[in-house]
Amino acid sequence: MDFVEIMKGKAVSKQKKLVLPEGTEPRTIKAARIIIDERLAASVTLLGETANIQTAAEKEGVNLGGIHIVCPKTDTKLNSYAHEYYELRKHKGMTEEQAKIDMADPLRWGAMMVHLNEADAMVAGAENTTGDVLRAGLAIIGTVPGLKTASSCFVMAGLDSQWGADGAMIFSDCAVIPDPTAEQLADISESAARSCREFLGVEPVAALLSFSTKGSAKHDNVAKVQSAVEILKGRNPGFVFDGELQADAALVPSVTDKKAPGSPVKGKVNTLVFPDLGAGNIGYKLVQRLGNAEAFGPFLQGFAKPISDLSRGASVDDIVTTCAVTLSRAQ
């Protein structure tokens, strides 16, 4: 499975509009050029002061032809964007004056473009923290109807073909929520299932992991996963899942028969939901390094519209790939 090429192919076929709030950041400018040249998006908008973007592009030897530039501080849409932001946040005490100040921030401006369908996807994080990107997205774009939680997933590819979808799996959440509640775990499971459909192109079969299988251990952490499973059952989310399961009980059919006989996920798991960020982060890195797997992500999930966060150490190629993945999710 060549995940990157599949995602780029989807992006090319969809021809959606991309906004990049970090418009003066050199790697982002280079990525914007590649995205236009490879036709991964119908349009790319860089946000920032025009002169600063042009200076940075000249320094990097990047031609800005065909790339849109918007300066939030001076754009004619500032007042209308600020009013929309005020309407979205007035229940939280937002004032119209503060809304205008806040909307001059490129992250919020980019999120507003997505909210208003003036862009289909937003990618940032090369110079902003994950928290900054999440806050802008949650305040303006919000989460999928019925879910309250934004989270993340990794696509783990290059595994032996017996695992997951021909050697590819979804691992979630490995980057956002340190200690999710039972309700958040249920939300993460639903978002991971959606990511499985979008990224792997198969129906999700999810295992909610623990250090216990079907009550073999008693602990608050175990009870949390058990509660998440019950919440999911009540929601009837439309995908196969089971828990709480130890990793071997989830993945190895002979162990499933011993520890969780009759489990509906036996031999079919393609989505792993970890009980907390420690387990998720350690888990994906172990599989990546010891299993020689490719780890793509983290990709944000649970938002009403596609946005993605970047590592601040991301390469130009990393940014292009993340943009292609994010564009591929746009409806």
C-alpha atoms as a PDB file:
ATOM      1  CA  MET A   1       0.000   0.000   0.000  1.00  0.00           C
ATOM      2  CA  ASP A   2       1.593   3.269  -1.146  1.00  0.00           C
ATOM      3  CA  PHE A   3      -0.359   5.474   1.215  1.00  0.00           C
ATOM      4  CA  VAL A   4       1.156   8.753   0.048  1.00  0.00           C
ATOM      5  CA  GLU A   5       0.459   8.129  -3.638  1.00  0.00           C
ATOM      6  CA  ILE A   6      -3.099   7.010  -2.898  1.00  0.00           C
ATOM      7  CA  MET A   7      -3.773  10.177  -0.899  1.00  0.00           C
ATOM      8  CA  LYS A   8      -2.198  12.373  -3.580  1.00  0.00           C
ATOM      9  CA  GLY A   9      -4.347  10.676  -6.204  1.00  0.00           C
ATOM     10  CA  LYS A  10      -7.475  11.414  -4.193  1.00  0.00           C
ATOM     11  CA  ALA A  11      -6.421  15.040  -3.713  1.00  0.00           C
ATOM     12  CA  VAL A  12      -5.802  15.491  -7.437  1.00  0.00           C
ATOM     13  CA  SER A  13      -9.183  14.003  -8.298  1.00  0.00           C
ATOM     14  CA  LYS A  14     -11.066  16.168  -5.779  1.00  0.00           C
ATOM     15  CA  GLN A  15      -9.429  19.532  -6.627  1.00  0.00           C
ATOM     16  CA  LYS A  16     -10.255  21.273  -3.340  1.00  0.00           C
ATOM     17  CA  LYS A  17      -9.145  24.631  -1.936  1.00  0.00           C
ATOM     18  CA  LEU A  18      -6.329  24.738   0.652  1.00  0.00           C
ATOM     19  CA  VAL A  19      -5.398  27.469   3.123  1.00  0.00           C
ATOM     20  CA  LEU A  20      -1.975  27.603   4.785  1.00  0.00           C
ATOM     21  CA  PRO A  21      -1.967  30.125   7.668  1.00  0.00           C
ATOM     22  CA  GLU A  22       1.828  30.117   8.111  1.00  0.00           C
ATOM     23  CA  GLY A  23       2.395  31.989   4.879  1.00  0.00           C
ATOM     24  CA  THR A  24       5.822  33.421   5.670  1.00  0.00           C
ATOM     25  CA  GLU A  25       7.302  30.095   6.826  1.00  0.00           C
ATOM     26  CA  PRO A  26       9.899  28.934   4.229  1.00  0.00           C
ATOM     27  CA  ARG A  27       8.968  25.211   4.212  1.00  0.00           C
ATOM     28  CA  THR A  28       5.310  26.122   3.866  1.00  0.00           C
ATOM     29  CA  ILE A  29       6.020  28.396   0.905  1.00  0.00           C
ATOM     30  CA  LYS A  30       8.010  25.642  -0.823  1.00  0.00           C
ATOM     31  CA  ALA A  31       5.219  23.145  -0.120  1.00  0.00           C
ATOM     32  CA  ALA A  32       2.636  25.542  -1.581  1.00  0.00           C
ATOM     33  CA  ARG A  33       4.613  25.666  -4.834  1.00  0.00           C
ATOM     34  CA  ILE A  34       4.767  21.874  -5.055  1.00  0.00           C
ATOM     35  CA  ILE A  35       1.051  21.523  -4.278  1.00  0.00           C
ATOM     36  CA  ILE A  36       0.153  23.877  -7.120  1.00  0.00           C
ATOM     37  CA  ASP A  37       2.637  22.317  -9.533  1.00  0.00           C
ATOM     38  CA  GLU A  38       1.405  18.773  -8.776  1.00  0.00           C
ATOM     39  CA  ARG A  39      -2.241  19.917  -8.943  1.00  0.00           C
ATOM     40  CA  LEU A  40      -2.974  18.543  -5.493  1.00  0.00           C
ATOM     41  CA  ALA A  41      -5.365  21.444  -4.890  1.00  0.00           C
ATOM     42  CA  ALA A  42      -7.521  23.702  -7.033  1.00  0.00           C
ATOM     43  CA  SER A  43      -6.096  26.686  -5.150  1.00  0.00           C
ATOM     44  CA  VAL A  44      -3.652  27.452  -2.345  1.00  0.00           C
ATOM     45  CA  THR A  45      -3.903  30.533  -0.127  1.00  0.00           C
ATOM     46  CA  LEU A  46      -0.987  31.709   2.004  1.00  0.00           C
ATOM     47  CA  LEU A  47      -1.874  33.964   4.942  1.00  0.00           C
ATOM     48  CA  GLY A  48       0.348  36.749   6.203  1.00  0.00           C
ATOM     49  CA  GLU A  49       1.597  40.200   5.326  1.00  0.00           C
ATOM     50  CA  THR A  50       2.080  40.279   1.574  1.00  0.00           C
ATOM     51  CA  ALA A  51       5.519  41.911   1.600  1.00  0.00           C
ATOM     52  CA  ASN A  52       6.820  39.406   4.149  1.00  0.00           C
ATOM     53  CA  ILE A  53       5.557  36.451   2.118  1.00  0.00           C
ATOM     54  CA  GLN A  54       7.106  37.851  -1.053  1.00  0.00           C
ATOM     55  CA  THR A  55      10.429  38.480   0.683  1.00  0.00           C
ATOM     56  CA  ALA A  56      10.508  34.965   2.132  1.00  0.00           C
ATOM     57  CA  ALA A  57       9.633  33.456  -1.256  1.00  0.00           C
ATOM     58  CA  GLU A  58      12.369  35.420  -3.010  1.00  0.00           C
ATOM     59  CA  LYS A  59      14.892  34.259  -0.417  1.00  0.00           C
ATOM     60  CA  GLU A  60      13.908  30.644  -1.055  1.00  0.00           C
ATOM     61  CA  GLY A  61      13.784  31.077  -4.829  1.00  0.00           C
ATOM     62  CA  VAL A  62      10.083  30.213  -4.976  1.00  0.00           C
ATOM     63  CA  ASN A  63       7.815  31.578  -7.683  1.00  0.00           C
ATOM     64  CA  LEU A  64       4.469  32.601  -6.136  1.00  0.00           C
ATOM     65  CA  GLY A  65       2.630  32.521  -9.464  1.00  0.00           C
ATOM     66  CA  GLY A  66      -0.798  30.945  -9.096  1.00  0.00           C
ATOM     67  CA  ILE A  67      -0.699  31.114  -5.290  1.00  0.00           C
ATOM     68  CA  HIS A  68      -3.165  33.393  -3.506  1.00  0.00           C
ATOM     69  CA  ILE A  69      -1.934  35.704  -0.738  1.00  0.00           C
ATOM     70  CA  VAL A  70      -4.232  37.179   1.909  1.00  0.00           C
ATOM     71  CA  CYS A  71      -3.256  39.510   4.743  1.00  0.00           C
ATOM     72  CA  PRO A  72      -5.884  39.108   7.490  1.00  0.00           C
ATOM     73  CA  LYS A  73      -5.020  42.429   9.130  1.00  0.00           C
ATOM     74  CA  THR A  74      -5.888  44.467   6.042  1.00  0.00           C
ATOM     75  CA  ASP A  75      -8.254  42.285   4.037  1.00  0.00           C
ATOM     76  CA  THR A  76     -11.675  43.678   3.182  1.00  0.00           C
ATOM     77  CA  LYS A  77     -13.339  40.621   4.740  1.00  0.00           C
ATOM     78  CA  LEU A  78     -11.995  41.348   8.219  1.00  0.00           C
ATOM     79  CA  ASN A  79     -15.212  42.939   9.490  1.00  0.00           C
ATOM     80  CA  SER A  80     -17.489  40.201   8.132  1.00  0.00           C
ATOM     81  CA  TYR A  81     -15.181  37.462   9.460  1.00  0.00           C
ATOM     82  CA  ALA A  82     -15.041  39.187  12.846  1.00  0.00           C
ATOM     83  CA  HIS A  83     -18.829  39.414  13.009  1.00  0.00           C
ATOM     84  CA  GLU A  84     -19.191  35.717  12.189  1.00  0.00           C
ATOM     85  CA  TYR A  85     -16.618  34.883  14.870  1.00  0.00           C
ATOM     86  CA  TYR A  86     -18.504  37.029  17.366  1.00  0.00           C
ATOM     87  CA  GLU A  87     -21.734  35.177  16.572  1.00  0.00           C
ATOM     88  CA  LEU A  88     -19.982  31.841  17.064  1.00  0.00           C
ATOM     89  CA  ARG A  89     -18.385  32.815  20.380  1.00  0.00           C
ATOM     90  CA  LYS A  90     -20.692  35.381  22.012  1.00  0.00           C
ATOM     91  CA  HIS A  91     -22.092  32.679  24.301  1.00  0.00           C
ATOM     92  CA  LYS A  92     -18.541  32.413  25.661  1.00  0.00           C
ATOM     93  CA  GLY A  93     -18.363  36.146  26.383  1.00  0.00           C
ATOM     94  CA  MET A  94     -16.796  37.253  23.094  1.00  0.00           C
ATOM     95  CA  THR A  95     -17.184  40.941  22.233  1.00  0.00           C
ATOM     96  CA  GLU A  96     -17.248  42.378  18.716  1.00  0.00           C
ATOM     97  CA  GLU A  97     -14.131  44.415  19.480  1.00  0.00           C
ATOM     98  CA  GLN A  98     -12.206  41.351  20.655  1.00  0.00           C
ATOM     99  CA  ALA A  99     -13.499  39.331  17.717  1.00  0.00           C
ATOM    100  CA  LYS A 100     -11.904  41.784  15.305  1.00  0.00           C
ATOM    101  CA  ILE A 101      -8.588  41.550  17.144  1.00  0.00           C
ATOM    102  CA  ASP A 102      -8.735  37.747  17.217  1.00  0.00           C
ATOM    103  CA  MET A 103      -9.622  37.408  13.544  1.00  0.00           C
ATOM    104  CA  ALA A 104      -6.402  39.156  12.526  1.00  0.00           C
ATOM    105  CA  ASP A 105      -4.662  35.956  13.656  1.00  0.00           C
ATOM    106  CA  PRO A 106      -3.881  33.770  10.600  1.00  0.00           C
ATOM    107  CA  LEU A 107      -4.869  30.523  12.339  1.00  0.00           C
ATOM    108  CA  ARG A 108      -8.334  31.818  13.129  1.00  0.00           C
ATOM    109  CA  TRP A 109      -8.604  33.397   9.692  1.00  0.00           C
ATOM    110  CA  GLY A 110      -7.757  30.098   8.047  1.00  0.00           C
ATOM    111  CA  ALA A 111     -10.266  28.238  10.216  1.00  0.00           C
ATOM    112  CA  MET A 112     -12.907  30.819   9.311  1.00  0.00           C
ATOM    113  CA  MET A 113     -12.209  30.309   5.602  1.00  0.00           C
ATOM    114  CA  VAL A 114     -12.893  26.601   6.100  1.00  0.00           C
ATOM    115  CA  HIS A 115     -15.986  27.298   8.221  1.00  0.00           C
ATOM    116  CA  LEU A 116     -17.407  29.553   5.499  1.00  0.00           C
ATOM    117  CA  ASN A 117     -16.474  27.120   2.688  1.00  0.00           C
ATOM    118  CA  GLU A 118     -14.021  29.627   1.209  1.00  0.00           C
ATOM    119  CA  ALA A 119     -11.416  26.922   1.722  1.00  0.00           C
ATOM    120  CA  ASP A 120     -11.961  23.176   2.012  1.00  0.00           C
ATOM    121  CA  ALA A 121      -8.993  22.308   4.225  1.00  0.00           C
ATOM    122  CA  MET A 122      -6.417  23.951   6.507  1.00  0.00           C
ATOM    123  CA  VAL A 123      -2.935  22.769   7.461  1.00  0.00           C
ATOM    124  CA  ALA A 124      -0.706  24.475  10.041  1.00  0.00           C
ATOM    125  CA  GLY A 125       1.759  23.698  12.810  1.00  0.00           C
ATOM    126  CA  ALA A 126       5.157  24.268  11.201  1.00  0.00           C
ATOM    127  CA  GLU A 127       5.612  27.228  13.550  1.00  0.00           C
ATOM    128  CA  ASN A 128       2.506  27.063  15.774  1.00  0.00           C
ATOM    129  CA  THR A 129       1.918  24.593  18.593  1.00  0.00           C
ATOM    130  CA  THR A 130      -0.598  21.775  18.349  1.00  0.00           C
ATOM    131  CA  GLY A 131      -2.597  23.535  21.049  1.00  0.00           C
ATOM    132  CA  ASP A 132      -2.820  26.701  18.964  1.00  0.00           C
ATOM    133  CA  VAL A 133      -4.046  24.779  15.913  1.00  0.00           C
ATOM    134  CA  LEU A 134      -6.570  22.809  17.969  1.00  0.00           C
ATOM    135  CA  ARG A 135      -7.958  25.907  19.688  1.00  0.00           C
ATOM    136  CA  ALA A 136      -8.508  27.717  16.400  1.00  0.00           C
ATOM    137  CA  GLY A 137     -10.196  24.667  14.904  1.00  0.00           C
ATOM    138  CA  LEU A 138     -12.414  23.957  17.883  1.00  0.00           C
ATOM    139  CA  ALA A 139     -13.481  27.584  18.314  1.00  0.00           C
ATOM    140  CA  ILE A 140     -14.526  28.071  14.689  1.00  0.00           C
ATOM    141  CA  ILE A 141     -14.895  24.760  12.839  1.00  0.00           C
ATOM    142  CA  GLY A 142     -16.016  22.620  15.764  1.00  0.00           C
ATOM    143  CA  THR A 143     -16.378  18.862  15.941  1.00  0.00           C
ATOM    144  CA  VAL A 144     -18.429  16.360  13.957  1.00  0.00           C
ATOM    145  CA  PRO A 145     -22.109  16.530  14.986  1.00  0.00           C
ATOM    146  CA  GLY A 146     -22.683  14.101  17.836  1.00  0.00           C
ATOM    147  CA  LEU A 147     -19.040  14.127  18.965  1.00  0.00           C
ATOM    148  CA  LYS A 148     -17.396  16.464  21.450  1.00  0.00           C
ATOM    149  CA  THR A 149     -13.798  15.326  21.055  1.00  0.00           C
ATOM    150  CA  ALA A 150     -11.031  16.172  18.591  1.00  0.00           C
ATOM    151  CA  SER A 151      -8.269  13.591  18.540  1.00  0.00           C
ATOM    152  CA  SER A 152      -5.667  12.101  16.212  1.00  0.00           C
ATOM    153  CA  CYS A 153      -4.643   8.945  14.435  1.00  0.00           C
ATOM    154  CA  PHE A 154      -1.633   7.442  12.745  1.00  0.00           C
ATOM    155  CA  VAL A 155      -1.769   5.308   9.639  1.00  0.00           C
ATOM    156  CA  MET A 156       0.661   2.445  10.238  1.00  0.00           C
ATOM    157  CA  ALA A 157       1.645   0.902   6.902  1.00  0.00           C
ATOM    158  CA  GLY A 158       4.138  -1.656   5.665  1.00  0.00           C
ATOM    159  CA  LEU A 159       3.220  -4.310   8.221  1.00  0.00           C
ATOM    160  CA  ASP A 160       2.951  -7.978   7.356  1.00  0.00           C
ATOM    161  CA  SER A 161      -0.104  -8.442   5.134  1.00  0.00           C
ATOM    162  CA  GLN A 162      -1.847 -10.584   7.771  1.00  0.00           C
ATOM    163  CA  TRP A 163      -2.412  -7.484   9.911  1.00  0.00           C
ATOM    164  CA  GLY A 164      -5.190  -4.987   9.353  1.00  0.00           C
ATOM    165  CA  ALA A 165      -6.026  -4.019   5.791  1.00  0.00           C
ATOM    166  CA  ASP A 166      -3.254  -5.730   3.844  1.00  0.00           C
ATOM    167  CA  GLY A 167      -0.618  -4.548   6.297  1.00  0.00           C
ATOM    168  CA  ALA A 168      -2.097  -1.135   7.167  1.00  0.00           C
ATOM    169  CA  MET A 169      -3.810  -0.137  10.415  1.00  0.00           C
ATOM    170  CA  ILE A 170      -5.196   2.888  12.239  1.00  0.00           C
ATOM    171  CA  PHE A 171      -3.699   3.686  15.674  1.00  0.00           C
ATOM    172  CA  SER A 172      -5.608   6.229  17.792  1.00  0.00           C
ATOM    173  CA  ASP A 173      -5.217   8.470  19.801  1.00  0.00           C
ATOM    174  CA  CYS A 174      -1.449   8.860  19.824  1.00  0.00           C
ATOM    175  CA  ALA A 175      -0.949  12.625  19.934  1.00  0.00           C
ATOM    176  CA  VAL A 176      -3.733  14.767  21.411  1.00  0.00           C
ATOM    177  CA  ILE A 177      -5.589  13.673  24.585  1.00  0.00           C
ATOM    178  CA  PRO A 178      -3.319  12.525  27.444  1.00  0.00           C
ATOM    179  CA  ASP A 179      -5.931  10.796  29.612  1.00  0.00           C
ATOM    180  CA  PRO A 180      -9.292  10.521  27.850  1.00  0.00           C
ATOM    181  CA  THR A 181     -12.498   9.904  29.757  1.00  0.00           C
ATOM    182  CA  ALA A 182     -14.764   6.998  28.833  1.00  0.00           C
ATOM    183  CA  GLU A 183     -16.911   9.326  26.711  1.00  0.00           C
ATOM    184  CA  GLN A 184     -13.825  10.710  24.990  1.00  0.00           C
ATOM    185  CA  LEU A 185     -12.610   7.169  24.281  1.00  0.00           C
ATOM    186  CA  ALA A 186     -15.951   6.423  22.667  1.00  0.00           C
ATOM    187  CA  ASP A 187     -15.600   9.596  20.553  1.00  0.00           C
ATOM    188  CA  ILE A 188     -12.027   8.639  19.620  1.00  0.00           C
ATOM    189  CA  SER A 189     -13.255   5.204  18.552  1.00  0.00           C
ATOM    190  CA  GLU A 190     -15.899   6.720  16.263  1.00  0.00           C
ATOM    191  CA  SER A 191     -13.396   9.150  14.756  1.00  0.00           C
ATOM    192  CA  ALA A 192     -10.823   6.387  14.261  1.00  0.00           C
ATOM    193  CA  ALA A 193     -13.467   4.291  12.496  1.00  0.00           C
ATOM    194  CA  ARG A 194     -14.163   7.192  10.139  1.00  0.00           C
ATOM    195  CA  SER A 195     -10.413   7.573   9.543  1.00  0.00           C
ATOM    196  CA  CYS A 196     -10.179   3.877   8.732  1.00  0.00           C
ATOM    197  CA  ARG A 197     -12.807   4.252   6.018  1.00  0.00           C
ATOM    198  CA  GLU A 198     -11.171   7.392   4.607  1.00  0.00           C
ATOM    199  CA  PHE A 199      -7.533   6.281   4.744  1.00  0.00           C
ATOM    200  CA  LEU A 200      -7.629   2.506   4.356  1.00  0.00           C
ATOM    201  CA  GLY A 201     -10.776   2.246   2.258  1.00  0.00           C
ATOM    202  CA  VAL A 202     -12.209  -0.627   4.310  1.00  0.00           C
ATOM    203  CA  GLU A 203     -14.908  -1.057   6.926  1.00  0.00           C
ATOM    204  CA  PRO A 204     -13.472  -0.499  10.412  1.00  0.00           C
ATOM    205  CA  VAL A 205     -13.066  -3.281  12.935  1.00  0.00           C
ATOM    206  CA  ALA A 206     -11.930  -1.649  16.175  1.00  0.00           C
ATOM    207  CA  ALA A 207     -10.384  -3.024  19.350  1.00  0.00           C
ATOM    208  CA  LEU A 208     -10.443  -0.878  22.482  1.00  0.00           C
ATOM    209  CA  LEU A 209      -7.202  -1.866  24.186  1.00  0.00           C
ATOM    210  CA  SER A 210      -6.323  -2.341  27.836  1.00  0.00           C
ATOM    211  CA  PHE A 211      -4.008  -4.375  30.040  1.00  0.00           C
ATOM    212  CA  SER A 212      -7.090  -6.469  30.808  1.00  0.00           C
ATOM    213  CA  THR A 213      -9.292  -8.690  28.660  1.00  0.00           C
ATOM    214  CA  LYS A 214     -12.968  -8.999  29.555  1.00  0.00           C
ATOM    215  CA  GLY A 215     -12.473  -8.267  33.226  1.00  0.00           C
ATOM    216  CA  SER A 216      -9.278 -10.260  33.782  1.00  0.00           C
ATOM    217  CA  ALA A 217      -7.962  -7.319  35.845  1.00  0.00           C
ATOM    218  CA  LYS A 218      -9.649  -4.764  38.056  1.00  0.00           C
ATOM    219  CA  HIS A 219      -8.510  -1.152  37.912  1.00  0.00           C
ATOM    220  CA  ASP A 220      -9.903   2.301  37.241  1.00  0.00           C
ATOM    221  CA  ASN A 221      -8.141   2.350  33.859  1.00  0.00           C
ATOM    222  CA  VAL A 222      -9.801  -0.934  32.927  1.00  0.00           C
ATOM    223  CA  ALA A 223     -13.197   0.289  34.087  1.00  0.00           C
ATOM    224  CA  LYS A 224     -12.784   3.370  31.892  1.00  0.00           C
ATOM    225  CA  VAL A 225     -12.341   1.263  28.768  1.00  0.00           C
ATOM    226  CA  GLN A 226     -15.247  -0.970  29.779  1.00  0.00           C
ATOM    227  CA  SER A 227     -17.429   2.123  30.145  1.00  0.00           C
ATOM    228  CA  ALA A 228     -16.334   3.401  26.737  1.00  0.00           C
ATOM    229  CA  VAL A 229     -17.416   0.097  25.181  1.00  0.00           C
ATOM    230  CA  GLU A 230     -20.822   0.368  26.831  1.00  0.00           C
ATOM    231  CA  ILE A 231     -21.199   3.944  25.595  1.00  0.00           C
ATOM    232  CA  LEU A 232     -20.401   2.804  22.049  1.00  0.00           C
ATOM    233  CA  LYS A 233     -22.942  -0.002  22.300  1.00  0.00           C
ATOM    234  CA  GLY A 234     -25.556   2.558  23.274  1.00  0.00           C
ATOM    235  CA  ARG A 235     -24.693   4.729  20.292  1.00  0.00           C
ATOM    236  CA  ASN A 236     -24.861   1.829  17.802  1.00  0.00           C
ATOM    237  CA  PRO A 237     -22.171   3.534  15.680  1.00  0.00           C
ATOM    238  CA  GLY A 238     -22.304   1.296  12.615  1.00  0.00           C
ATOM    239  CA  PHE A 239     -18.979  -0.515  12.818  1.00  0.00           C
ATOM    240  CA  VAL A 240     -17.661  -3.669  14.496  1.00  0.00           C
ATOM    241  CA  PHE A 241     -15.823  -3.189  17.792  1.00  0.00           C
ATOM    242  CA  ASP A 242     -14.969  -4.978  21.022  1.00  0.00           C
ATOM    243  CA  GLY A 243     -13.205  -4.351  24.300  1.00  0.00           C
ATOM    244  CA  GLU A 244     -11.641  -4.267  26.704  1.00  0.00           C
ATOM    245  CA  LEU A 245      -8.963  -6.372  25.020  1.00  0.00           C
ATOM    246  CA  GLN A 246      -5.257  -6.894  25.520  1.00  0.00           C
ATOM    247  CA  ALA A 247      -3.284  -6.423  22.316  1.00  0.00           C
ATOM    248  CA  ASP A 248      -2.707 -10.139  21.765  1.00  0.00           C
ATOM    249  CA  ALA A 249      -6.364 -10.926  22.386  1.00  0.00           C
ATOM    250  CA  ALA A 250      -7.286  -8.286  19.812  1.00  0.00           C
ATOM    251  CA  LEU A 251      -4.829  -9.353  17.128  1.00  0.00           C
ATOM    252  CA  VAL A 252      -4.059 -13.082  17.389  1.00  0.00           C
ATOM    253  CA  PRO A 253      -7.077 -15.320  16.666  1.00  0.00           C
ATOM    254  CA  SER A 254      -5.845 -18.211  18.802  1.00  0.00           C
ATOM    255  CA  VAL A 255      -5.441 -15.869  21.767  1.00  0.00           C
ATOM    256  CA  THR A 256      -8.831 -14.278  21.069  1.00  0.00           C
ATOM    257  CA  ASP A 257     -10.409 -17.734  21.319  1.00  0.00           C
ATOM    258  CA  LYS A 258      -8.839 -18.268  24.737  1.00  0.00           C
ATOM    259  CA  LYS A 259      -9.309 -14.823  26.267  1.00  0.00           C
ATOM    260  CA  ALA A 260     -12.385 -13.441  24.467  1.00  0.00           C
ATOM    261  CA  PRO A 261     -14.232 -16.363  22.868  1.00  0.00           C
ATOM    262  CA  GLY A 262     -16.930 -15.259  20.474  1.00  0.00           C
ATOM    263  CA  SER A 263     -15.445 -11.773  19.963  1.00  0.00           C
ATOM    264  CA  PRO A 264     -16.769 -10.186  16.743  1.00  0.00           C
ATOM    265  CA  VAL A 265     -13.329  -8.711  15.967  1.00  0.00           C
ATOM    266  CA  LYS A 266     -11.466 -12.040  15.881  1.00  0.00           C
ATOM    267  CA  GLY A 267      -8.899 -12.001  13.084  1.00  0.00           C
ATOM    268  CA  LYS A 268     -10.277  -8.809  11.569  1.00  0.00           C
ATOM    269  CA  VAL A 269      -8.944  -5.858  13.612  1.00  0.00           C
ATOM    270  CA  ASN A 270      -7.706  -2.904  11.544  1.00  0.00           C
ATOM    271  CA  THR A 271      -8.210  -0.113  14.095  1.00  0.00           C
ATOM    272  CA  LEU A 272      -6.573   0.028  17.528  1.00  0.00           C
ATOM    273  CA  VAL A 273      -7.904   2.456  20.146  1.00  0.00           C
ATOM    274  CA  PHE A 274      -5.456   3.030  22.988  1.00  0.00           C
ATOM    275  CA  PRO A 275      -6.609   3.781  26.551  1.00  0.00           C
ATOM    276  CA  ASP A 276      -4.391   6.863  26.928  1.00  0.00           C
ATOM    277  CA  LEU A 277      -1.720   8.894  25.181  1.00  0.00           C
ATOM    278  CA  GLY A 278       1.140   7.094  26.915  1.00  0.00           C
ATOM    279  CA  ALA A 279       0.061   3.736  25.535  1.00  0.00           C
ATOM    280  CA  GLY A 280      -0.738   5.155  22.092  1.00  0.00           C
ATOM    281  CA  ASN A 281       2.482   7.100  21.653  1.00  0.00           C
ATOM    282  CA  ILE A 282       4.655   4.257  22.901  1.00  0.00           C
ATOM    283  CA  GLY A 283       2.701   1.730  20.861  1.00  0.00           C
ATOM    284  CA  TYR A 284       3.041   3.426  17.505  1.00  0.00           C
ATOM    285  CA  LYS A 285       6.741   4.175  18.027  1.00  0.00           C
ATOM    286  CA  LEU A 286       7.491   0.548  18.978  1.00  0.00           C
ATOM    287  CA  VAL A 287       5.699  -0.738  15.882  1.00  0.00           C
ATOM    288  CA  GLN A 288       7.433   1.875  13.740  1.00  0.00           C
ATOM    289  CA  ARG A 289      10.945   1.134  15.022  1.00  0.00           C
ATOM    290  CA  LEU A 290      10.894  -2.563  15.922  1.00  0.00           C
ATOM    291  CA  GLY A 291       8.380  -3.598  13.264  1.00  0.00           C
ATOM    292  CA  ASN A 292       9.975  -1.437  10.577  1.00  0.00           C
ATOM    293  CA  ALA A 293       6.580   0.056   9.766  1.00  0.00           C
ATOM    294  CA  GLU A 294       5.851   3.429   8.205  1.00  0.00           C
ATOM    295  CA  ALA A 295       4.003   5.838  10.472  1.00  0.00           C
ATOM    296  CA  PHE A 296       2.005   8.536   8.699  1.00  0.00           C
ATOM    297  CA  GLY A 297       0.559  11.276  10.882  1.00  0.00           C
ATOM    298  CA  PRO A 298      -0.589  12.297  13.319  1.00  0.00           C
ATOM    299  CA  PHE A 299      -3.713  13.343  11.452  1.00  0.00           C
ATOM    300  CA  LEU A 300      -6.380  15.250  13.340  1.00  0.00           C
ATOM    301  CA  GLN A 301      -9.816  13.654  13.414  1.00  0.00           C
ATOM    302  CA  GLY A 302     -13.197  14.503  14.856  1.00  0.00           C
ATOM    303  CA  PHE A 303     -13.392  17.990  13.331  1.00  0.00           C
ATOM    304  CA  ALA A 304     -16.445  18.941  11.299  1.00  0.00           C
ATOM    305  CA  LYS A 305     -14.178  19.853   8.370  1.00  0.00           C
ATOM    306  CA  PRO A 306     -10.617  18.830   7.484  1.00  0.00           C
ATOM    307  CA  ILE A 307      -7.756  20.494   9.320  1.00  0.00           C
ATOM    308  CA  SER A 308      -4.335  19.070  10.137  1.00  0.00           C
ATOM    309  CA  ASP A 309      -1.498  19.824  12.513  1.00  0.00           C
ATOM    310  CA  LEU A 310       2.179  19.579  11.565  1.00  0.00           C
ATOM    311  CA  SER A 311       5.234  18.762  13.610  1.00  0.00           C
ATOM    312  CA  ARG A 312       7.337  21.889  13.960  1.00  0.00           C
ATOM    313  CA  GLY A 313      10.207  19.770  12.625  1.00  0.00           C
ATOM    314  CA  ALA A 314       8.251  18.794   9.498  1.00  0.00           C
ATOM    315  CA  SER A 315      10.112  18.683   6.198  1.00  0.00           C
ATOM    316  CA  VAL A 316       8.749  20.170   2.988  1.00  0.00           C
ATOM    317  CA  ASP A 317       7.771  16.675   1.866  1.00  0.00           C
ATOM    318  CA  ASP A 318       6.009  16.088   5.197  1.00  0.00           C
ATOM    319  CA  ILE A 319       3.955  19.250   4.687  1.00  0.00           C
ATOM    320  CA  VAL A 320       3.034  18.272   1.118  1.00  0.00           C
ATOM    321  CA  THR A 321       1.961  14.804   2.268  1.00  0.00           C
ATOM    322  CA  THR A 322      -0.114  16.162   5.144  1.00  0.00           C
ATOM    323  CA  CYS A 323      -1.778  18.640   2.807  1.00  0.00           C
ATOM    324  CA  ALA A 324      -2.591  15.875   0.323  1.00  0.00           C
ATOM    325  CA  VAL A 325      -4.081  13.719   3.089  1.00  0.00           C
ATOM    326  CA  THR A 326      -6.130  16.625   4.429  1.00  0.00           C
ATOM    327  CA  LEU A 327      -7.386  17.591   0.979  1.00  0.00           C
ATOM    328  CA  SER A 328      -8.339  13.975   0.306  1.00  0.00           C
ATOM    329  CA  ARG A 329     -10.771  14.124   3.257  1.00  0.00           C
ATOM    330  CA  ALA A 330     -12.639  17.177   2.001  1.00  0.00           C
ATOM    331  CA  GLN A 331     -16.256  16.522   1.021  1.00  0.00           C
END
